[in-house]
Amino acid sequence: MNWRSVKFDWNRARAFLVTAEEGSLSAASKALGISQPTLGRQVAALEEELSIALFERSGRGLELTQAGLELLDYVRAMGEAASSLSLAANGRATSIEGEITISASEITAAFALPPILLRLRNLYPGIRINLVASNQVSDLRRRAADIAIRNFRPDEPHLIARKLGHFSATLYATRNVLETLSEGFPNDVADAPFIGFLTENSAYINALAERGLMLRENSFVARTDSHLVHWEMTKAGIGIGMVPVEVGDPEPGVGRVFQNQVFGGDVWLVSHRELRMNLRVRTVFDFLAAELAAYFRTAGT
């Protein structure tokens, strides 16, 4: 390989890649943790090094030029290679001390994990925990998290997964809401107030339809993508909402809409296979697997 033919700085290529993927300098600067002016200078320096314009500046922000589009796939491949290198290097770390990033849904992060993470901290005080509470699937290959708790089994070959158990959820409402339901409920749901979701409501409607609840979009009196807010709305008496039974059953202000009608699925603990060679990640992975398996086993009783 002619190394002298490579005449650009990788950091500047990374700045171009992240700006293209994030869509703006402000979003890219946040993703990289550097100032927007510094990022802008890196992109401009790469354009000068390559003697091409990568972006067009317009009233709508930044748009890739044709040259930028043609180079983007090459830079993405470089980003994947850099990520793989980082994973392989981090996978060989042997210290239990340091940061660990765990990704979980809002409900799992808020209700299941805090006491478990306290026990983890008591056992390994040198570990610093970053907990990503999100209902979006974290990209483990890009190191959005070291370990993720998911409600589905991943099929990517670079990931490893361990089944933790089964979760159960059902519909809840306050007594006042339950008293407003018609005698024909659930066959007649025309006047029943439901709380839904902003971006996944169609899937929610389909899941309820499989259980005989034929809802429409106008059946929902409130919607939110935050599962925690969804639960708070339910507790406030706005409408009927759904949460895991281990969260809903102990809540004194609400009751089950159906005593025996539950939804559920499997829970998986997931990590990148390279990171399983990292002593810190392997230790936390095995600890979480045991603790969460016990939690979901108890929650399912």
C-alpha atoms as a PDB file:
ATOM      1  CA  MET A   1       0.000   0.000   0.000  1.00  0.00           C
ATOM      2  CA  ASN A   2       1.237   3.470  -0.859  1.00  0.00           C
ATOM      3  CA  TRP A   3       0.876   5.193   2.522  1.00  0.00           C
ATOM      4  CA  ARG A   4       2.000   8.524   1.083  1.00  0.00           C
ATOM      5  CA  SER A   5      -1.167   8.611  -1.049  1.00  0.00           C
ATOM      6  CA  VAL A   6      -3.317   8.994   2.110  1.00  0.00           C
ATOM      7  CA  LYS A   7      -3.340  12.740   2.519  1.00  0.00           C
ATOM      8  CA  PHE A   8      -6.105  13.475   4.990  1.00  0.00           C
ATOM      9  CA  ASP A   9      -6.555  13.438   8.749  1.00  0.00           C
ATOM     10  CA  TRP A  10      -8.814  10.700  10.177  1.00  0.00           C
ATOM     11  CA  ASN A  11     -10.204  13.052  12.815  1.00  0.00           C
ATOM     12  CA  ARG A  12     -11.383  15.329  10.029  1.00  0.00           C
ATOM     13  CA  ALA A  13     -12.915  12.375   8.175  1.00  0.00           C
ATOM     14  CA  ARG A  14     -14.712  11.431  11.384  1.00  0.00           C
ATOM     15  CA  ALA A  15     -15.996  15.009  11.688  1.00  0.00           C
ATOM     16  CA  PHE A  16     -17.390  14.762   8.139  1.00  0.00           C
ATOM     17  CA  LEU A  17     -19.015  11.354   8.837  1.00  0.00           C
ATOM     18  CA  VAL A  18     -20.725  12.401  12.069  1.00  0.00           C
ATOM     19  CA  THR A  19     -21.912  15.702  10.563  1.00  0.00           C
ATOM     20  CA  ALA A  20     -23.401  13.841   7.582  1.00  0.00           C
ATOM     21  CA  GLU A  21     -25.131  11.293   9.807  1.00  0.00           C
ATOM     22  CA  GLU A  22     -26.383  13.789  12.405  1.00  0.00           C
ATOM     23  CA  GLY A  23     -27.505  16.299   9.793  1.00  0.00           C
ATOM     24  CA  SER A  24     -26.054  19.461  11.332  1.00  0.00           C
ATOM     25  CA  LEU A  25     -22.915  20.835  12.931  1.00  0.00           C
ATOM     26  CA  SER A  26     -24.701  21.470  16.223  1.00  0.00           C
ATOM     27  CA  ALA A  27     -25.951  17.864  16.522  1.00  0.00           C
ATOM     28  CA  ALA A  28     -22.585  16.458  15.430  1.00  0.00           C
ATOM     29  CA  SER A  29     -20.677  18.606  17.933  1.00  0.00           C
ATOM     30  CA  LYS A  30     -22.881  17.230  20.736  1.00  0.00           C
ATOM     31  CA  ALA A  31     -22.346  13.652  19.518  1.00  0.00           C
ATOM     32  CA  LEU A  32     -18.566  14.083  19.459  1.00  0.00           C
ATOM     33  CA  GLY A  33     -18.312  16.222  22.575  1.00  0.00           C
ATOM     34  CA  ILE A  34     -16.432  19.060  20.860  1.00  0.00           C
ATOM     35  CA  SER A  35     -17.377  22.654  20.153  1.00  0.00           C
ATOM     36  CA  GLN A  36     -19.269  23.532  16.998  1.00  0.00           C
ATOM     37  CA  PRO A  37     -16.574  25.947  15.733  1.00  0.00           C
ATOM     38  CA  THR A  38     -13.897  23.257  16.161  1.00  0.00           C
ATOM     39  CA  LEU A  39     -16.020  20.764  14.260  1.00  0.00           C
ATOM     40  CA  GLY A  40     -16.695  23.267  11.498  1.00  0.00           C
ATOM     41  CA  ARG A  41     -12.961  23.914  11.124  1.00  0.00           C
ATOM     42  CA  GLN A  42     -12.271  20.166  10.878  1.00  0.00           C
ATOM     43  CA  VAL A  43     -14.835  19.725   8.113  1.00  0.00           C
ATOM     44  CA  ALA A  44     -13.541  22.770   6.260  1.00  0.00           C
ATOM     45  CA  ALA A  45      -9.949  21.506   6.607  1.00  0.00           C
ATOM     46  CA  LEU A  46     -10.943  18.127   5.126  1.00  0.00           C
ATOM     47  CA  GLU A  47     -12.604  19.871   2.187  1.00  0.00           C
ATOM     48  CA  GLU A  48      -9.382  21.805   1.645  1.00  0.00           C
ATOM     49  CA  GLU A  49      -7.243  18.653   1.939  1.00  0.00           C
ATOM     50  CA  LEU A  50      -9.370  16.798  -0.595  1.00  0.00           C
ATOM     51  CA  SER A  51      -9.960  19.884  -2.790  1.00  0.00           C
ATOM     52  CA  ILE A  52     -13.710  19.208  -2.945  1.00  0.00           C
ATOM     53  CA  ALA A  53     -16.842  20.621  -1.359  1.00  0.00           C
ATOM     54  CA  LEU A  54     -18.553  18.090   0.898  1.00  0.00           C
ATOM     55  CA  PHE A  55     -21.534  20.181   1.975  1.00  0.00           C
ATOM     56  CA  GLU A  56     -23.673  22.913   0.541  1.00  0.00           C
ATOM     57  CA  ARG A  57     -24.729  25.564   3.046  1.00  0.00           C
ATOM     58  CA  SER A  58     -28.362  26.559   2.543  1.00  0.00           C
ATOM     59  CA  GLY A  59     -31.223  28.045   4.516  1.00  0.00           C
ATOM     60  CA  ARG A  60     -32.213  24.507   5.513  1.00  0.00           C
ATOM     61  CA  GLY A  61     -28.769  23.799   6.952  1.00  0.00           C
ATOM     62  CA  LEU A  62     -26.158  21.461   5.504  1.00  0.00           C
ATOM     63  CA  GLU A  63     -26.785  19.276   2.477  1.00  0.00           C
ATOM     64  CA  LEU A  64     -24.286  16.785   1.050  1.00  0.00           C
ATOM     65  CA  THR A  65     -22.877  17.596  -2.359  1.00  0.00           C
ATOM     66  CA  GLN A  66     -22.660  14.867  -4.986  1.00  0.00           C
ATOM     67  CA  ALA A  67     -18.977  14.456  -4.105  1.00  0.00           C
ATOM     68  CA  GLY A  68     -19.878  14.194  -0.437  1.00  0.00           C
ATOM     69  CA  LEU A  69     -22.452  11.505  -1.168  1.00  0.00           C
ATOM     70  CA  GLU A  70     -19.914   9.523  -3.197  1.00  0.00           C
ATOM     71  CA  LEU A  71     -17.345   9.645  -0.382  1.00  0.00           C
ATOM     72  CA  LEU A  72     -19.786   8.916   2.443  1.00  0.00           C
ATOM     73  CA  ASP A  73     -19.792   5.117   2.011  1.00  0.00           C
ATOM     74  CA  TYR A  74     -15.985   5.033   2.149  1.00  0.00           C
ATOM     75  CA  VAL A  75     -15.908   7.094   5.319  1.00  0.00           C
ATOM     76  CA  ARG A  76     -18.640   4.919   6.863  1.00  0.00           C
ATOM     77  CA  ALA A  77     -16.452   1.877   6.217  1.00  0.00           C
ATOM     78  CA  MET A  78     -13.585   3.689   7.959  1.00  0.00           C
ATOM     79  CA  GLY A  79     -15.895   4.420  10.900  1.00  0.00           C
ATOM     80  CA  GLU A  80     -16.908   0.766  11.150  1.00  0.00           C
ATOM     81  CA  ALA A  81     -13.262  -0.291  11.072  1.00  0.00           C
ATOM     82  CA  ALA A  82     -12.366   2.241  13.776  1.00  0.00           C
ATOM     83  CA  SER A  83     -15.277   1.023  15.889  1.00  0.00           C
ATOM     84  CA  SER A  84     -14.170  -2.600  15.459  1.00  0.00           C
ATOM     85  CA  LEU A  85     -10.625  -1.650  16.455  1.00  0.00           C
ATOM     86  CA  SER A  86     -11.924   0.106  19.580  1.00  0.00           C
ATOM     87  CA  LEU A  87     -14.087  -2.892  20.485  1.00  0.00           C
ATOM     88  CA  ALA A  88     -11.205  -5.323  20.033  1.00  0.00           C
ATOM     89  CA  ALA A  89      -8.870  -3.179  22.129  1.00  0.00           C
ATOM     90  CA  ASN A  90     -11.426  -2.593  24.877  1.00  0.00           C
ATOM     91  CA  GLY A  91     -12.259  -6.264  24.857  1.00  0.00           C
ATOM     92  CA  ARG A  92      -8.799  -7.027  26.161  1.00  0.00           C
ATOM     93  CA  ALA A  93      -9.028  -4.795  29.213  1.00  0.00           C
ATOM     94  CA  THR A  94      -8.461  -6.754  32.419  1.00  0.00           C
ATOM     95  CA  SER A  95      -9.456  -4.283  35.135  1.00  0.00           C
ATOM     96  CA  ILE A  96     -12.858  -4.388  36.841  1.00  0.00           C
ATOM     97  CA  GLU A  97     -12.603  -0.688  37.618  1.00  0.00           C
ATOM     98  CA  GLY A  98     -13.944   1.898  35.193  1.00  0.00           C
ATOM     99  CA  GLU A  99     -17.107   2.897  33.362  1.00  0.00           C
ATOM    100  CA  ILE A 100     -19.850   0.548  32.224  1.00  0.00           C
ATOM    101  CA  THR A 101     -22.787   1.691  30.092  1.00  0.00           C
ATOM    102  CA  ILE A 102     -26.058  -0.206  30.393  1.00  0.00           C
ATOM    103  CA  SER A 103     -29.059   0.401  28.153  1.00  0.00           C
ATOM    104  CA  ALA A 104     -32.606  -0.488  29.229  1.00  0.00           C
ATOM    105  CA  SER A 105     -36.176   0.631  28.686  1.00  0.00           C
ATOM    106  CA  GLU A 106     -37.464   3.462  30.862  1.00  0.00           C
ATOM    107  CA  ILE A 107     -39.586   1.116  32.977  1.00  0.00           C
ATOM    108  CA  THR A 108     -36.776  -1.408  33.533  1.00  0.00           C
ATOM    109  CA  ALA A 109     -34.299   1.378  34.237  1.00  0.00           C
ATOM    110  CA  ALA A 110     -36.587   3.106  36.738  1.00  0.00           C
ATOM    111  CA  PHE A 111     -38.146   0.161  38.572  1.00  0.00           C
ATOM    112  CA  ALA A 112     -35.950  -2.927  38.205  1.00  0.00           C
ATOM    113  CA  LEU A 113     -32.366  -1.719  37.967  1.00  0.00           C
ATOM    114  CA  PRO A 114     -31.710   0.766  40.834  1.00  0.00           C
ATOM    115  CA  PRO A 115     -31.564  -1.811  43.689  1.00  0.00           C
ATOM    116  CA  ILE A 116     -29.634  -4.214  41.455  1.00  0.00           C
ATOM    117  CA  LEU A 117     -27.115  -1.522  40.547  1.00  0.00           C
ATOM    118  CA  LEU A 118     -26.727  -0.658  44.229  1.00  0.00           C
ATOM    119  CA  ARG A 119     -25.724  -4.260  44.933  1.00  0.00           C
ATOM    120  CA  LEU A 120     -23.339  -4.084  41.978  1.00  0.00           C
ATOM    121  CA  ARG A 121     -21.737  -0.929  43.364  1.00  0.00           C
ATOM    122  CA  ASN A 122     -21.386  -2.494  46.806  1.00  0.00           C
ATOM    123  CA  LEU A 123     -19.565  -5.466  45.302  1.00  0.00           C
ATOM    124  CA  TYR A 124     -17.434  -3.466  42.855  1.00  0.00           C
ATOM    125  CA  PRO A 125     -17.049   0.116  44.117  1.00  0.00           C
ATOM    126  CA  GLY A 126     -14.545   0.891  41.350  1.00  0.00           C
ATOM    127  CA  ILE A 127     -17.225   0.557  38.665  1.00  0.00           C
ATOM    128  CA  ARG A 128     -18.891   3.767  37.448  1.00  0.00           C
ATOM    129  CA  ILE A 129     -22.349   3.178  35.962  1.00  0.00           C
ATOM    130  CA  ASN A 130     -23.850   4.977  32.986  1.00  0.00           C
ATOM    131  CA  LEU A 131     -27.518   4.014  32.636  1.00  0.00           C
ATOM    132  CA  VAL A 132     -29.184   4.851  29.310  1.00  0.00           C
ATOM    133  CA  ALA A 133     -32.947   4.826  29.932  1.00  0.00           C
ATOM    134  CA  SER A 134     -34.472   4.690  26.472  1.00  0.00           C
ATOM    135  CA  ASN A 135     -37.171   2.772  24.645  1.00  0.00           C
ATOM    136  CA  GLN A 136     -35.073   2.878  21.472  1.00  0.00           C
ATOM    137  CA  VAL A 137     -32.769  -0.027  20.594  1.00  0.00           C
ATOM    138  CA  SER A 138     -29.174   0.935  21.416  1.00  0.00           C
ATOM    139  CA  ASP A 139     -26.483   0.337  18.793  1.00  0.00           C
ATOM    140  CA  LEU A 140     -24.005  -1.889  20.604  1.00  0.00           C
ATOM    141  CA  ARG A 141     -21.632  -2.043  17.651  1.00  0.00           C
ATOM    142  CA  ARG A 142     -21.196   1.722  17.796  1.00  0.00           C
ATOM    143  CA  ARG A 143     -20.711   1.553  21.572  1.00  0.00           C
ATOM    144  CA  ALA A 144     -23.964   3.291  22.458  1.00  0.00           C
ATOM    145  CA  ALA A 145     -23.860   0.838  25.374  1.00  0.00           C
ATOM    146  CA  ASP A 146     -21.724  -2.042  26.615  1.00  0.00           C
ATOM    147  CA  ILE A 147     -24.707  -4.107  27.749  1.00  0.00           C
ATOM    148  CA  ALA A 148     -28.377  -3.860  26.791  1.00  0.00           C
ATOM    149  CA  ILE A 149     -31.583  -5.321  28.230  1.00  0.00           C
ATOM    150  CA  ARG A 150     -34.029  -6.053  25.421  1.00  0.00           C
ATOM    151  CA  ASN A 151     -37.458  -7.588  24.958  1.00  0.00           C
ATOM    152  CA  PHE A 152     -36.407  -9.521  21.857  1.00  0.00           C
ATOM    153  CA  ARG A 153     -33.566 -11.814  20.893  1.00  0.00           C
ATOM    154  CA  PRO A 154     -31.046 -10.120  18.596  1.00  0.00           C
ATOM    155  CA  ASP A 155     -30.062 -11.861  15.376  1.00  0.00           C
ATOM    156  CA  GLU A 156     -26.875  -9.920  14.601  1.00  0.00           C
ATOM    157  CA  PRO A 157     -23.900 -12.331  14.472  1.00  0.00           C
ATOM    158  CA  HIS A 158     -21.606  -9.953  16.376  1.00  0.00           C
ATOM    159  CA  LEU A 159     -23.876  -9.927  19.445  1.00  0.00           C
ATOM    160  CA  ILE A 160     -24.271 -12.458  22.224  1.00  0.00           C
ATOM    161  CA  ALA A 161     -27.475 -12.805  24.241  1.00  0.00           C
ATOM    162  CA  ARG A 162     -28.659 -14.593  27.345  1.00  0.00           C
ATOM    163  CA  LYS A 163     -32.333 -15.150  28.083  1.00  0.00           C
ATOM    164  CA  LEU A 164     -33.295 -13.696  31.461  1.00  0.00           C
ATOM    165  CA  GLY A 165     -36.899 -14.793  31.702  1.00  0.00           C
ATOM    166  CA  HIS A 166     -40.373 -13.610  30.785  1.00  0.00           C
ATOM    167  CA  PHE A 167     -42.141 -10.317  31.403  1.00  0.00           C
ATOM    168  CA  SER A 168     -45.885  -9.833  31.822  1.00  0.00           C
ATOM    169  CA  ALA A 169     -47.860  -6.614  31.388  1.00  0.00           C
ATOM    170  CA  THR A 170     -51.526  -5.729  31.457  1.00  0.00           C
ATOM    171  CA  LEU A 171     -53.945  -2.802  31.336  1.00  0.00           C
ATOM    172  CA  TYR A 172     -54.538  -0.625  34.409  1.00  0.00           C
ATOM    173  CA  ALA A 173     -56.784   2.270  35.316  1.00  0.00           C
ATOM    174  CA  THR A 174     -57.866   4.205  38.376  1.00  0.00           C
ATOM    175  CA  ARG A 175     -61.140   3.290  40.102  1.00  0.00           C
ATOM    176  CA  ASN A 176     -62.807   6.401  38.672  1.00  0.00           C
ATOM    177  CA  VAL A 177     -61.887   5.362  35.122  1.00  0.00           C
ATOM    178  CA  LEU A 178     -62.952   1.760  35.717  1.00  0.00           C
ATOM    179  CA  GLU A 179     -66.360   2.957  36.904  1.00  0.00           C
ATOM    180  CA  THR A 180     -66.925   4.822  33.623  1.00  0.00           C
ATOM    181  CA  LEU A 181     -66.549   1.706  31.464  1.00  0.00           C
ATOM    182  CA  SER A 182     -69.782   0.606  29.826  1.00  0.00           C
ATOM    183  CA  GLU A 183     -71.486  -2.671  30.615  1.00  0.00           C
ATOM    184  CA  GLY A 184     -70.574  -3.835  27.112  1.00  0.00           C
ATOM    185  CA  PHE A 185     -66.842  -3.381  27.683  1.00  0.00           C
ATOM    186  CA  PRO A 186     -64.590  -4.887  26.288  1.00  0.00           C
ATOM    187  CA  ASN A 187     -66.807  -5.686  23.282  1.00  0.00           C
ATOM    188  CA  ASP A 188     -67.862  -2.056  23.233  1.00  0.00           C
ATOM    189  CA  VAL A 189     -64.846   0.248  23.656  1.00  0.00           C
ATOM    190  CA  ALA A 190     -66.320   3.310  21.941  1.00  0.00           C
ATOM    191  CA  ASP A 191     -66.285   5.484  25.045  1.00  0.00           C
ATOM    192  CA  ALA A 192     -63.373   3.908  26.909  1.00  0.00           C
ATOM    193  CA  PRO A 193     -60.445   6.340  27.316  1.00  0.00           C
ATOM    194  CA  PHE A 194     -57.072   4.826  26.415  1.00  0.00           C
ATOM    195  CA  ILE A 195     -53.551   6.224  26.672  1.00  0.00           C
ATOM    196  CA  GLY A 196     -51.385   5.413  23.666  1.00  0.00           C
ATOM    197  CA  PHE A 197     -48.035   6.194  22.061  1.00  0.00           C
ATOM    198  CA  LEU A 198     -46.931   8.777  19.533  1.00  0.00           C
ATOM    199  CA  THR A 199     -44.736   6.735  17.194  1.00  0.00           C
ATOM    200  CA  GLU A 200     -45.710   3.116  17.920  1.00  0.00           C
ATOM    201  CA  ASN A 201     -49.468   3.393  18.303  1.00  0.00           C
ATOM    202  CA  SER A 202     -50.303   1.244  15.278  1.00  0.00           C
ATOM    203  CA  ALA A 203     -48.361  -1.672  16.748  1.00  0.00           C
ATOM    204  CA  TYR A 204     -50.096  -1.078  20.087  1.00  0.00           C
ATOM    205  CA  ILE A 205     -53.522  -1.080  18.417  1.00  0.00           C
ATOM    206  CA  ASN A 206     -52.670  -4.343  16.631  1.00  0.00           C
ATOM    207  CA  ALA A 207     -51.491  -5.959  19.868  1.00  0.00           C
ATOM    208  CA  LEU A 208     -54.724  -4.975  21.619  1.00  0.00           C
ATOM    209  CA  ALA A 209     -56.772  -6.192  18.654  1.00  0.00           C
ATOM    210  CA  GLU A 210     -55.230  -9.640  19.029  1.00  0.00           C
ATOM    211  CA  ARG A 211     -56.791  -9.706  22.509  1.00  0.00           C
ATOM    212  CA  GLY A 212     -60.220  -8.629  21.269  1.00  0.00           C
ATOM    213  CA  LEU A 213     -59.951  -4.873  21.938  1.00  0.00           C
ATOM    214  CA  MET A 214     -60.780  -3.229  18.626  1.00  0.00           C
ATOM    215  CA  LEU A 215     -59.497   0.319  19.067  1.00  0.00           C
ATOM    216  CA  ARG A 216     -59.050   3.153  16.625  1.00  0.00           C
ATOM    217  CA  GLU A 217     -56.790   6.184  16.756  1.00  0.00           C
ATOM    218  CA  ASN A 218     -59.619   8.308  18.168  1.00  0.00           C
ATOM    219  CA  SER A 219     -59.932   5.846  21.072  1.00  0.00           C
ATOM    220  CA  PHE A 220     -56.861   7.475  22.630  1.00  0.00           C
ATOM    221  CA  VAL A 221     -57.416  10.514  24.793  1.00  0.00           C
ATOM    222  CA  ALA A 222     -53.672  11.005  25.341  1.00  0.00           C
ATOM    223  CA  ARG A 223     -50.451   9.735  23.800  1.00  0.00           C
ATOM    224  CA  THR A 224     -46.768   9.878  24.724  1.00  0.00           C
ATOM    225  CA  ASP A 225     -43.618   8.022  23.742  1.00  0.00           C
ATOM    226  CA  SER A 226     -42.373   8.032  27.334  1.00  0.00           C
ATOM    227  CA  HIS A 227     -43.477   4.868  29.119  1.00  0.00           C
ATOM    228  CA  LEU A 228     -42.913   6.553  32.468  1.00  0.00           C
ATOM    229  CA  VAL A 229     -45.179   9.443  31.490  1.00  0.00           C
ATOM    230  CA  HIS A 230     -47.673   6.908  30.115  1.00  0.00           C
ATOM    231  CA  TRP A 231     -47.769   5.310  33.569  1.00  0.00           C
ATOM    232  CA  GLU A 232     -48.080   8.648  35.374  1.00  0.00           C
ATOM    233  CA  MET A 233     -50.999   9.573  33.111  1.00  0.00           C
ATOM    234  CA  THR A 234     -52.635   6.271  33.998  1.00  0.00           C
ATOM    235  CA  LYS A 235     -52.160   6.890  37.724  1.00  0.00           C
ATOM    236  CA  ALA A 236     -53.574  10.405  37.325  1.00  0.00           C
ATOM    237  CA  GLY A 237     -56.813   8.979  35.934  1.00  0.00           C
ATOM    238  CA  ILE A 238     -56.497  10.259  32.372  1.00  0.00           C
ATOM    239  CA  GLY A 239     -57.195   6.856  30.878  1.00  0.00           C
ATOM    240  CA  ILE A 240     -56.309   3.176  30.576  1.00  0.00           C
ATOM    241  CA  GLY A 241     -52.618   2.399  30.285  1.00  0.00           C
ATOM    242  CA  MET A 242     -50.336  -0.603  30.219  1.00  0.00           C
ATOM    243  CA  VAL A 243     -47.305  -1.440  32.382  1.00  0.00           C
ATOM    244  CA  PRO A 244     -45.576  -4.602  33.605  1.00  0.00           C
ATOM    245  CA  VAL A 245     -47.493  -6.353  36.385  1.00  0.00           C
ATOM    246  CA  GLU A 246     -44.632  -5.962  38.866  1.00  0.00           C
ATOM    247  CA  VAL A 247     -45.053  -2.198  38.507  1.00  0.00           C
ATOM    248  CA  GLY A 248     -48.822  -1.996  38.245  1.00  0.00           C
ATOM    249  CA  ASP A 249     -50.005  -4.532  40.819  1.00  0.00           C
ATOM    250  CA  PRO A 250     -48.365  -2.876  43.875  1.00  0.00           C
ATOM    251  CA  GLU A 251     -49.695   0.579  42.951  1.00  0.00           C
ATOM    252  CA  PRO A 252     -52.606   1.294  45.360  1.00  0.00           C
ATOM    253  CA  GLY A 253     -54.317   3.912  43.208  1.00  0.00           C
ATOM    254  CA  VAL A 254     -54.991   1.680  40.202  1.00  0.00           C
ATOM    255  CA  GLY A 255     -56.406  -1.740  39.396  1.00  0.00           C
ATOM    256  CA  ARG A 256     -56.275  -4.223  36.560  1.00  0.00           C
ATOM    257  CA  VAL A 257     -58.802  -3.719  33.791  1.00  0.00           C
ATOM    258  CA  PHE A 258     -58.744  -7.502  33.253  1.00  0.00           C
ATOM    259  CA  GLN A 259     -57.689  -9.875  35.987  1.00  0.00           C
ATOM    260  CA  ASN A 260     -56.298 -12.596  33.719  1.00  0.00           C
ATOM    261  CA  GLN A 261     -55.582 -10.797  30.454  1.00  0.00           C
ATOM    262  CA  VAL A 262     -51.806 -10.290  30.195  1.00  0.00           C
ATOM    263  CA  PHE A 263     -49.334  -9.488  27.470  1.00  0.00           C
ATOM    264  CA  GLY A 264     -45.773 -10.698  27.627  1.00  0.00           C
ATOM    265  CA  GLY A 265     -42.538 -11.733  26.015  1.00  0.00           C
ATOM    266  CA  ASP A 266     -38.981 -12.801  26.686  1.00  0.00           C
ATOM    267  CA  VAL A 267     -36.265 -10.603  28.162  1.00  0.00           C
ATOM    268  CA  TRP A 268     -32.669 -10.823  26.930  1.00  0.00           C
ATOM    269  CA  LEU A 269     -29.330  -9.507  28.142  1.00  0.00           C
ATOM    270  CA  VAL A 270     -27.157  -8.525  25.181  1.00  0.00           C
ATOM    271  CA  SER A 271     -23.547  -7.482  24.641  1.00  0.00           C
ATOM    272  CA  HIS A 272     -21.055  -7.297  21.810  1.00  0.00           C
ATOM    273  CA  ARG A 273     -19.061 -10.522  21.616  1.00  0.00           C
ATOM    274  CA  GLU A 274     -15.760  -8.609  21.627  1.00  0.00           C
ATOM    275  CA  LEU A 275     -16.666  -6.922  24.901  1.00  0.00           C
ATOM    276  CA  ARG A 276     -17.332 -10.261  26.576  1.00  0.00           C
ATOM    277  CA  MET A 277     -13.533 -10.639  26.630  1.00  0.00           C
ATOM    278  CA  ASN A 278     -13.377  -7.518  28.789  1.00  0.00           C
ATOM    279  CA  LEU A 279     -13.223  -8.547  32.449  1.00  0.00           C
ATOM    280  CA  ARG A 280     -15.281  -5.557  33.617  1.00  0.00           C
ATOM    281  CA  VAL A 281     -18.031  -6.101  31.033  1.00  0.00           C
ATOM    282  CA  ARG A 282     -18.040  -9.865  31.571  1.00  0.00           C
ATOM    283  CA  THR A 283     -18.301  -9.414  35.329  1.00  0.00           C
ATOM    284  CA  VAL A 284     -21.197  -6.954  35.080  1.00  0.00           C
ATOM    285  CA  PHE A 285     -22.901  -9.038  32.386  1.00  0.00           C
ATOM    286  CA  ASP A 286     -22.841 -12.176  34.548  1.00  0.00           C
ATOM    287  CA  PHE A 287     -23.956 -10.228  37.635  1.00  0.00           C
ATOM    288  CA  LEU A 288     -26.887  -8.625  35.792  1.00  0.00           C
ATOM    289  CA  ALA A 289     -27.859 -11.954  34.248  1.00  0.00           C
ATOM    290  CA  ALA A 290     -28.203 -13.584  37.676  1.00  0.00           C
ATOM    291  CA  GLU A 291     -29.925 -10.620  39.332  1.00  0.00           C
ATOM    292  CA  LEU A 292     -32.364  -9.911  36.513  1.00  0.00           C
ATOM    293  CA  ALA A 293     -33.213 -13.586  36.051  1.00  0.00           C
ATOM    294  CA  ALA A 294     -34.213 -13.661  39.734  1.00  0.00           C
ATOM    295  CA  TYR A 295     -36.156 -10.399  39.342  1.00  0.00           C
ATOM    296  CA  PHE A 296     -38.202 -11.578  36.358  1.00  0.00           C
ATOM    297  CA  ARG A 297     -38.724 -14.992  37.941  1.00  0.00           C
ATOM    298  CA  THR A 298     -40.205 -13.277  40.997  1.00  0.00           C
ATOM    299  CA  ALA A 299     -42.154 -10.775  38.895  1.00  0.00           C
ATOM    300  CA  GLY A 300     -43.774 -13.589  36.961  1.00  0.00           C
ATOM    301  CA  THR A 301     -45.188 -15.276  40.065  1.00  0.00           C
END
